Each structure stands twice: as C-alpha cells, then as structure tokens.
Amino acid sequence: MSIAVELTSHKGIPVLELRGVMNDIDVDTFIERLDELIAAGHPKVIIDISRITFIGSFGLGKIVSCNARLRKEKRELVLLNTNPDPEAFIASLLRLTNLYKVLRIVTDSKDI
C-alpha cells in the first residue's frame, strides 16, 4: 500500500491527511501538496500523520525542512498524531530521532 494524501481543513487551517506507507518512492504527491500549501502563504499547515504506518527518510526530511522554512517566515507546521500508542512506528521514530523536540506534535485537534 502506498501513500494516500487528502487535503481537508480544520477551523480554516489546511490539513494534509496522510494514510498508508510513505516510502521514499511514494513521497512525490505529499511533497507537491505540501509545497502548494506553503506557496499559498497559509500561516499554519497541519499534517495529520495519525494513519501513517511508515515514513521514509526523504518524507521525514521534507517535513523537517518545511518546518524550518515556515519558522523562518513566522509561520507554523503542526503534526497531528492522534494515535495514542507510544510504540507505534511514527511515535517511536519521532522519539528515536528526537524530532519531537523540534516539531510541534499534538495528539488532539483541539490543541491546534
């Protein structure tokens, strides 16, 4: 199963909902959609990673670089991960890479 990317919104904030497996081969659609949102000048962009079971290094790197770019522009990238399992792949990956210290990660959409 490859990545599925759907654009929705939450309180007027664009949300990229990701589902499936984001191998480095499958990352192009995600990158295109994220770049479009950034270029549109939204002050905040949400990436919902709750239903991702795997993300490759290229996709993770793109999230980190977009986060840095948005911070420089006084904008914000928020990762929404409503998966409460701390042993899930994404939660473990963010913890092992210490990205939870760099990225804003929320577990409930009311915290956005």
Protein backbone atom coordinates (compact mmCIF):
# COMPACT_ATOMS: atom_id res chain seq x y z
CA MET A 1 0.00 0.00 0.00
CA SER A 2 1.35 3.40 -0.91
CA ILE A 3 0.60 6.83 0.50
CA ALA A 4 -2.78 8.50 0.15
CA VAL A 5 -2.88 12.28 0.58
CA GLU A 6 -6.11 14.16 1.12
CA LEU A 7 -6.48 17.89 1.66
CA THR A 8 -9.10 18.92 4.23
CA SER A 9 -9.32 21.78 6.70
CA HIS A 10 -9.74 22.30 10.43
CA LYS A 11 -11.01 25.69 11.61
CA GLY A 12 -9.89 27.19 8.31
CA ILE A 13 -6.39 25.69 8.57
CA PRO A 14 -5.34 23.37 5.73
CA VAL A 15 -4.78 19.76 6.77
CA LEU A 16 -2.89 17.18 4.75
CA GLU A 17 -4.28 13.84 5.88
CA LEU A 18 -1.86 11.02 5.16
CA ARG A 19 -2.76 7.33 5.09
CA GLY A 20 -0.69 4.23 4.43
CA VAL A 21 3.02 3.83 3.83
CA MET A 22 5.21 6.72 2.70
CA ASN A 23 8.21 5.07 1.10
CA ASP A 24 10.75 7.37 -0.47
CA ILE A 25 9.38 6.26 -3.86
CA ASP A 26 5.81 7.34 -2.95
CA VAL A 27 6.61 10.73 -1.45
CA ASP A 28 6.10 12.92 -4.57
CA THR A 29 2.36 13.52 -4.12
CA PHE A 30 2.86 14.52 -0.50
CA ILE A 31 5.70 16.90 -1.39
CA GLU A 32 3.69 18.54 -4.19
CA ARG A 33 0.68 19.15 -1.93
CA LEU A 34 2.80 20.44 0.94
CA ASP A 35 4.76 22.78 -1.35
CA GLU A 36 1.47 24.13 -2.75
CA LEU A 37 0.20 24.93 0.75
CA ILE A 38 3.44 26.63 1.71
CA ALA A 39 3.50 28.66 -1.51
CA ALA A 40 -0.10 29.74 -0.86
CA GLY A 41 1.11 31.58 2.25
CA HIS A 42 -1.01 29.85 4.88
CA PRO A 43 0.11 30.95 8.35
CA LYS A 44 -0.33 27.40 9.67
CA VAL A 45 -0.30 24.00 7.98
CA ILE A 46 -1.31 20.74 9.66
CA ILE A 47 -0.04 17.33 8.60
CA ASP A 48 -2.17 14.53 10.03
CA ILE A 49 0.15 11.54 10.45
CA SER A 50 -2.29 9.53 12.57
CA ARG A 51 -2.86 6.89 9.89
CA ILE A 52 0.69 6.56 8.59
CA THR A 53 2.29 3.20 9.31
CA PHE A 54 5.70 4.05 7.86
CA ILE A 55 7.54 7.12 6.63
CA GLY A 56 10.88 7.01 4.84
CA SER A 57 13.80 9.30 5.46
CA PHE A 58 13.06 11.50 2.44
CA GLY A 59 9.49 12.25 3.61
CA LEU A 60 10.66 12.88 7.15
CA GLY A 61 13.41 15.16 5.86
CA LYS A 62 10.86 17.12 3.82
CA ILE A 63 8.73 17.67 6.93
CA VAL A 64 11.76 18.90 8.87
CA SER A 65 12.90 21.24 6.08
CA CYS A 66 9.40 22.67 5.62
CA ASN A 67 9.14 23.20 9.37
CA ALA A 68 12.42 25.18 9.32
CA ARG A 69 11.27 27.23 6.33
CA LEU A 70 7.92 28.07 7.91
CA ARG A 71 9.56 29.05 11.21
CA LYS A 72 11.85 31.48 9.39
CA GLU A 73 8.75 33.03 7.84
CA LYS A 74 7.00 33.19 11.26
CA ARG A 75 4.54 30.52 10.17
CA GLU A 76 3.85 27.14 11.72
CA LEU A 77 3.82 23.46 10.79
CA VAL A 78 1.87 21.19 13.12
CA LEU A 79 1.92 17.40 13.11
CA LEU A 80 -1.32 15.83 14.30
CA ASN A 81 -0.87 12.31 15.62
CA THR A 82 -3.99 11.07 17.35
CA ASN A 83 -2.58 7.54 17.57
CA PRO A 84 -2.19 7.04 21.34
CA ASP A 85 0.14 4.04 21.03
CA PRO A 86 3.65 5.21 22.04
CA GLU A 87 5.08 2.05 20.47
CA ALA A 88 3.58 2.77 17.04
CA PHE A 89 6.18 3.26 14.32
CA ILE A 90 5.70 7.01 13.90
CA ALA A 91 5.76 7.76 17.63
CA SER A 92 8.88 5.62 18.03
CA LEU A 93 10.54 7.27 15.03
CA LEU A 94 9.89 10.78 16.35
CA ARG A 95 11.19 9.79 19.77
CA LEU A 96 14.32 7.98 18.47
CA THR A 97 15.26 10.87 16.18
CA ASN A 98 14.46 13.48 18.87
CA LEU A 99 12.22 15.22 16.33
CA TYR A 100 9.53 15.55 18.98
CA LYS A 101 11.81 18.29 20.37
CA VAL A 102 11.95 20.14 17.04
CA LEU A 103 8.48 19.64 15.57
CA ARG A 104 5.20 20.72 17.10
CA ILE A 105 3.28 17.49 17.57
CA VAL A 106 -0.23 17.44 19.01
CA THR A 107 -2.35 14.43 19.87
CA ASP A 108 -5.73 16.16 19.76
CA SER A 109 -7.06 18.58 17.16
CA LYS A 110 -8.40 20.86 19.92
CA ASP A 111 -4.76 21.68 20.76
CA ILE A 112 -4.09 23.21 17.34
